[in-house]
């Protein structure tokens, strides 16, 4: 079996495992229009990148998968919440998500707003319900995840403000004045914070003097992976089609959003993606061969087509 096939098989195994957790957890939610909208968005498919990353990191660190069940559910609930809110007319104004009508198109804007809020609350329910037997770990994970949500919101508002400033400048001066450093900072919050939490979270179950070094290395990897995901997302938005992406293509340019492509161009953005992938791989040196999944994931993100 090739290394690529081994990665795909393992990714599919983790995704299937997570799907069982998700179905079980949602079974206990009373059926209402709100929960129906949440289920509609959660079960629409998607890559399940974030929970898979939680689970793969747990396995790399020899942490039992059952220990991170609640955390894996929580990060997927928060991620899905962010997508629902992202698609709203007041935000990115996108009518498609994961190959189907966005939540607000299917259920209405008010229901979509409340569904996003509902999923954030469900995230912390799932997290607290699973790790209350370890109160110290629970406190650390709640702190980590709530911090990621705060950063996500701050990054999103900075993104919206930058897009608004660019439109005022008719797409001209705003691009020239936007620095690469500011773009990086914004996306470390908007995209990177939750991905970083996914890989750092399982390390909170470790003890001993080595745990801080492990968390530092994982945080570095998570930052790079989050930036890589955003850079490739920007490239795909500019170069792919709606049919392939499962969401509206060219939406960033329509909204006047400042992206790695609008700032640097496609070729330079691809070069930056490769450099970021190399940095992510370097961050994994502490873990040796145990990090094979994380290395393969990094390369898959670099090469993804949707």
Protein backbone atom coordinates (compact mmCIF):
# COMPACT_ATOMS: atom_id res chain seq x y z
CA UNK A 1 0.00 0.00 0.00
CA UNK A 2 1.37 3.43 -0.96
CA UNK A 3 1.78 6.22 1.58
CA UNK A 4 -0.93 8.19 -0.21
CA UNK A 5 -3.41 5.30 -0.01
CA UNK A 6 -2.51 4.74 3.63
CA UNK A 7 -3.29 8.38 4.35
CA UNK A 8 -6.61 8.26 2.47
CA UNK A 9 -7.66 5.06 4.23
CA UNK A 10 -6.78 6.48 7.64
CA UNK A 11 -8.51 9.77 6.92
CA UNK A 12 -11.65 7.91 5.83
CA UNK A 13 -11.46 5.75 8.97
CA UNK A 14 -11.33 8.80 11.22
CA UNK A 15 -14.12 10.54 9.28
CA UNK A 16 -16.36 7.47 9.56
CA UNK A 17 -15.60 7.18 13.26
CA UNK A 18 -16.49 10.84 13.71
CA UNK A 19 -19.72 10.46 11.69
CA UNK A 20 -20.88 7.87 14.22
CA UNK A 21 -20.12 10.25 17.08
CA UNK A 22 -21.96 13.05 15.32
CA UNK A 23 -25.08 10.98 14.62
CA UNK A 24 -25.15 9.77 18.21
CA UNK A 25 -24.72 13.25 19.68
CA UNK A 26 -27.42 14.85 17.51
CA UNK A 27 -29.85 12.06 18.35
CA UNK A 28 -30.39 13.62 21.76
CA UNK A 29 -31.41 17.03 20.37
CA UNK A 30 -35.15 17.71 20.27
CA UNK A 31 -36.41 17.97 16.68
CA UNK A 32 -37.31 21.58 15.87
CA UNK A 33 -36.81 23.79 12.83
CA UNK A 34 -33.61 25.00 14.50
CA UNK A 35 -32.18 21.53 15.07
CA UNK A 36 -33.31 20.51 11.58
CA UNK A 37 -31.31 23.41 10.14
CA UNK A 38 -28.30 22.42 12.25
CA UNK A 39 -28.53 18.80 11.09
CA UNK A 40 -28.95 19.95 7.48
CA UNK A 41 -25.69 21.91 7.67
CA UNK A 42 -23.75 19.33 9.68
CA UNK A 43 -24.69 16.37 7.51
CA UNK A 44 -24.07 18.14 4.18
CA UNK A 45 -20.70 16.47 3.90
CA UNK A 46 -17.52 18.48 3.87
CA UNK A 47 -13.99 17.30 4.48
CA UNK A 48 -14.26 16.86 8.27
CA UNK A 49 -10.73 18.23 8.34
CA UNK A 50 -10.88 19.64 11.84
CA UNK A 51 -12.25 16.62 13.75
CA UNK A 52 -9.95 14.33 11.74
CA UNK A 53 -7.05 16.54 12.78
CA UNK A 54 -8.10 16.30 16.45
CA UNK A 55 -8.32 12.51 16.24
CA UNK A 56 -5.08 12.02 14.30
CA UNK A 57 -3.21 14.25 16.77
CA UNK A 58 -4.62 12.24 19.66
CA UNK A 59 -3.38 9.02 18.06
CA UNK A 60 0.04 10.55 17.41
CA UNK A 61 0.31 11.56 21.09
CA UNK A 62 -1.02 8.18 22.32
CA UNK A 63 -4.17 9.81 23.73
CA UNK A 64 -7.26 7.57 23.57
CA UNK A 65 -9.74 8.64 20.91
CA UNK A 66 -12.63 8.49 23.35
CA UNK A 67 -10.90 11.19 25.41
CA UNK A 68 -11.17 13.68 22.54
CA UNK A 69 -14.70 12.76 21.40
CA UNK A 70 -16.31 15.86 22.89
CA UNK A 71 -13.54 18.13 21.65
CA UNK A 72 -13.78 16.75 18.09
CA UNK A 73 -17.55 17.33 18.09
CA UNK A 74 -17.09 20.81 19.50
CA UNK A 75 -14.67 21.96 16.80
CA UNK A 76 -16.95 20.67 14.03
CA UNK A 77 -19.97 22.40 15.57
CA UNK A 78 -18.06 25.68 15.77
CA UNK A 79 -16.66 25.32 12.26
CA UNK A 80 -20.13 24.64 10.83
CA UNK A 81 -21.52 27.59 12.77
CA UNK A 82 -18.88 29.83 11.21
CA UNK A 83 -19.78 28.60 7.72
CA UNK A 84 -23.49 29.27 8.28
CA UNK A 85 -22.78 32.81 9.44
CA UNK A 86 -20.15 33.33 6.72
CA UNK A 87 -22.71 32.68 3.98
CA UNK A 88 -25.22 35.26 5.23
CA UNK A 89 -25.96 38.28 3.01
CA UNK A 90 -24.41 40.59 5.62
CA UNK A 91 -21.17 38.61 5.47
CA UNK A 92 -19.85 36.80 2.35
CA UNK A 93 -23.34 36.56 0.79
CA UNK A 94 -22.98 33.05 -0.66
CA UNK A 95 -25.97 30.95 -1.69
CA UNK A 96 -24.14 27.58 -1.90
CA UNK A 97 -22.30 25.53 0.70
CA UNK A 98 -20.97 21.98 0.38
CA UNK A 99 -22.81 21.53 -2.91
CA UNK A 100 -26.26 22.45 -1.63
CA UNK A 101 -28.22 25.64 -0.83
CA UNK A 102 -26.72 27.52 2.10
CA UNK A 103 -28.54 27.33 5.44
CA UNK A 104 -30.09 30.80 5.12
CA UNK A 105 -31.35 29.99 1.61
CA UNK A 106 -33.01 26.80 2.83
CA UNK A 107 -34.33 27.99 6.21
CA UNK A 108 -34.25 31.79 6.12
CA UNK A 109 -31.81 34.33 7.53
CA UNK A 110 -33.23 34.45 11.06
CA UNK A 111 -33.08 30.67 11.41
CA UNK A 112 -29.52 30.61 10.03
CA UNK A 113 -28.34 33.18 12.58
CA UNK A 114 -29.94 31.24 15.42
CA UNK A 115 -28.63 27.93 14.07
CA UNK A 116 -25.08 29.26 14.17
CA UNK A 117 -25.61 30.41 17.77
CA UNK A 118 -27.20 27.06 18.63
CA UNK A 119 -24.18 25.15 17.32
CA UNK A 120 -21.73 27.21 19.38
CA UNK A 121 -23.73 26.35 22.50
CA UNK A 122 -23.88 22.68 21.44
CA UNK A 123 -20.10 22.74 21.06
CA UNK A 124 -19.53 23.57 24.69
CA UNK A 125 -22.24 21.14 25.79
CA UNK A 126 -20.45 18.33 23.95
CA UNK A 127 -17.08 19.36 25.33
CA UNK A 128 -18.13 19.72 28.96
CA UNK A 129 -20.25 16.59 28.90
CA UNK A 130 -17.32 14.43 27.82
CA UNK A 131 -14.46 15.64 29.99
CA UNK A 132 -16.05 16.69 33.27
CA UNK A 133 -14.35 13.65 34.84
CA UNK A 134 -11.10 15.59 34.21
CA UNK A 135 -11.96 19.12 35.34
CA UNK A 136 -8.45 20.50 34.79
CA UNK A 137 -8.43 19.29 31.18
CA UNK A 138 -11.97 20.57 30.68
CA UNK A 139 -10.95 24.04 31.83
CA UNK A 140 -7.96 24.08 29.46
CA UNK A 141 -10.03 22.91 26.49
CA UNK A 142 -12.81 25.42 27.17
CA UNK A 143 -10.21 28.19 27.38
CA UNK A 144 -8.52 27.01 24.18
CA UNK A 145 -11.75 26.67 22.20
CA UNK A 146 -13.40 29.86 23.40
CA UNK A 147 -10.20 31.73 22.55
CA UNK A 148 -10.35 30.26 19.04
CA UNK A 149 -13.95 31.47 18.63
CA UNK A 150 -13.01 34.96 19.78
CA UNK A 151 -10.09 35.02 17.32
CA UNK A 152 -12.31 33.71 14.52
CA UNK A 153 -14.82 36.52 15.08
CA UNK A 154 -12.09 39.16 15.30
CA UNK A 155 -10.48 37.89 12.11
CA UNK A 156 -13.81 37.91 10.29
CA UNK A 157 -14.62 41.49 11.23
CA UNK A 158 -11.15 42.59 10.13
CA UNK A 159 -11.79 40.79 6.84
CA UNK A 160 -15.11 42.57 6.36
CA UNK A 161 -13.60 45.95 7.24
CA UNK A 162 -10.75 45.41 4.76
CA UNK A 163 -13.19 44.43 2.00
CA UNK A 164 -15.31 47.52 2.71
CA UNK A 165 -12.22 49.76 2.57
CA UNK A 166 -11.19 48.16 -0.72
CA UNK A 167 -14.62 48.84 -2.25
CA UNK A 168 -14.43 52.48 -1.17
CA UNK A 169 -11.08 52.65 -2.99
CA UNK A 170 -12.67 51.02 -6.06
CA UNK A 171 -10.29 48.07 -5.67
CA UNK A 172 -7.23 50.27 -6.07
CA UNK A 173 -5.48 51.89 -3.13
CA UNK A 174 -6.66 49.31 -0.63
CA UNK A 175 -4.67 46.55 -2.32
CA UNK A 176 -1.49 48.57 -2.47
CA UNK A 177 -1.63 49.52 1.19
CA UNK A 178 -2.52 46.07 2.53
CA UNK A 179 0.60 44.47 3.95
CA UNK A 180 1.39 40.77 3.84
CA UNK A 181 1.92 40.91 7.59
CA UNK A 182 -1.60 42.25 8.19
CA UNK A 183 -3.12 39.65 5.88
CA UNK A 184 -1.24 36.92 7.75
CA UNK A 185 -2.37 38.23 11.14
CA UNK A 186 -6.00 38.37 10.03
CA UNK A 187 -6.04 34.82 8.69
CA UNK A 188 -4.17 33.42 11.69
CA UNK A 189 -7.29 34.53 13.56
CA UNK A 190 -10.03 33.84 11.00
CA UNK A 191 -8.87 30.44 9.74
CA UNK A 192 -5.80 29.50 11.74
CA UNK A 193 -7.11 29.81 15.30
CA UNK A 194 -9.55 26.90 15.12
CA UNK A 195 -7.12 24.67 13.20
CA UNK A 196 -4.42 25.48 15.76
CA UNK A 197 -6.81 24.54 18.55
CA UNK A 198 -7.49 21.19 16.85
CA UNK A 199 -3.88 20.10 17.12
CA UNK A 200 -3.09 21.67 20.49
CA UNK A 201 -6.25 20.37 22.20
CA UNK A 202 -5.23 16.68 22.43
CA UNK A 203 -1.90 17.74 23.97
CA UNK A 204 -3.83 19.10 26.98
CA UNK A 205 -4.30 15.48 28.05
CA UNK A 206 -0.52 15.08 28.43
CA UNK A 207 1.38 15.71 31.61
CA UNK A 208 5.02 16.27 32.44
CA UNK A 209 7.70 18.71 31.44
CA UNK A 210 7.69 17.72 27.76
CA UNK A 211 4.06 18.72 27.21
CA UNK A 212 4.84 22.43 26.77
CA UNK A 213 7.36 21.71 24.01
CA UNK A 214 4.83 19.46 22.32
CA UNK A 215 2.15 22.16 22.45
CA UNK A 216 4.56 24.77 21.09
CA UNK A 217 5.47 22.57 18.10
CA UNK A 218 1.83 21.71 17.45
CA UNK A 219 0.82 25.36 17.69
CA UNK A 220 3.46 26.26 15.10
CA UNK A 221 2.22 23.50 12.81
CA UNK A 222 -1.41 24.54 13.32
CA UNK A 223 -0.62 28.16 12.44
CA UNK A 224 1.14 27.11 9.24
CA UNK A 225 -1.58 24.64 8.28
CA UNK A 226 -4.28 27.25 8.86
CA UNK A 227 -2.46 29.77 6.68
CA UNK A 228 -1.86 27.12 4.03
CA UNK A 229 -5.55 26.27 4.00
CA UNK A 230 -6.45 29.95 3.56
CA UNK A 231 -3.92 30.56 0.79
CA UNK A 232 -5.08 27.52 -1.17
CA UNK A 233 -8.70 28.55 -0.55
CA UNK A 234 -7.97 31.94 -2.08
CA UNK A 235 -6.27 30.30 -5.06
CA UNK A 236 -9.17 27.92 -5.63
CA UNK A 237 -11.73 30.72 -5.37
CA UNK A 238 -9.91 32.55 -8.14
CA UNK A 239 -9.14 29.59 -10.42
CA UNK A 240 -11.79 26.88 -9.89
CA UNK A 241 -15.52 26.59 -10.67
CA UNK A 242 -18.68 26.52 -8.58
CA UNK A 243 -19.35 22.92 -9.66
CA UNK A 244 -15.99 21.71 -8.39
CA UNK A 245 -15.91 23.78 -5.20
CA UNK A 246 -19.49 23.12 -4.08
CA UNK A 247 -19.78 26.83 -3.28
CA UNK A 248 -19.74 29.98 -5.39
CA UNK A 249 -16.45 30.51 -7.19
CA UNK A 250 -14.97 34.00 -7.73
CA UNK A 251 -16.92 35.14 -4.66
CA UNK A 252 -13.90 36.91 -3.13
CA UNK A 253 -13.46 39.17 -6.16
CA UNK A 254 -17.21 39.88 -6.28
CA UNK A 255 -17.12 40.99 -2.66
CA UNK A 256 -13.95 43.02 -3.12
CA UNK A 257 -12.20 40.85 -0.54
CA UNK A 258 -8.48 41.24 0.01
CA UNK A 259 -6.91 37.81 -0.46
CA UNK A 260 -3.51 36.30 -1.12
CA UNK A 261 -4.42 36.22 -4.81
CA UNK A 262 -5.66 39.81 -5.00
CA UNK A 263 -2.55 40.98 -3.13
CA UNK A 264 0.14 38.84 -4.77
CA UNK A 265 -1.37 37.20 -7.88
CA UNK A 266 -1.96 33.48 -8.48
CA UNK A 267 1.64 32.45 -9.20
CA UNK A 268 3.10 34.24 -6.18
CA UNK A 269 0.29 32.88 -3.98
CA UNK A 270 1.17 29.35 -5.11
CA UNK A 271 4.82 29.96 -4.22
CA UNK A 272 3.78 31.28 -0.80
CA UNK A 273 1.62 28.18 -0.29
CA UNK A 274 4.64 25.94 -0.93
CA UNK A 275 6.80 27.94 1.48
CA UNK A 276 4.08 27.75 4.14
CA UNK A 277 3.77 23.98 3.63
CA UNK A 278 7.53 23.65 4.11
CA UNK A 279 7.30 25.58 7.39
CA UNK A 280 4.47 23.32 8.56
CA UNK A 281 6.56 20.23 7.80
CA UNK A 282 9.54 21.68 9.67
CA UNK A 283 7.36 22.19 12.75
CA UNK A 284 6.69 18.44 12.87
CA UNK A 285 10.35 17.44 13.26
CA UNK A 286 9.87 16.86 17.01
CA UNK A 287 7.50 13.95 16.32
CA UNK A 288 9.53 11.98 13.79
CA UNK A 289 7.70 9.26 11.89
CA UNK A 290 4.74 9.50 14.27
CA UNK A 291 3.69 12.66 12.41
CA UNK A 292 3.32 10.90 9.03
CA UNK A 293 -0.43 11.64 8.89
CA UNK A 294 0.10 15.34 9.61
CA UNK A 295 2.78 15.58 6.93
CA UNK A 296 0.54 13.86 4.39
CA UNK A 297 -2.38 16.11 5.34
CA UNK A 298 -0.24 19.19 4.80
CA UNK A 299 0.67 18.00 1.30
CA UNK A 300 -2.98 17.14 0.53
CA UNK A 301 -4.05 20.65 1.51
CA UNK A 302 -1.35 22.04 -0.75
CA UNK A 303 -2.61 19.96 -3.68
CA UNK A 304 -6.38 20.11 -3.02
CA UNK A 305 -8.83 21.03 -5.76
CA UNK A 306 -11.85 21.94 -3.60
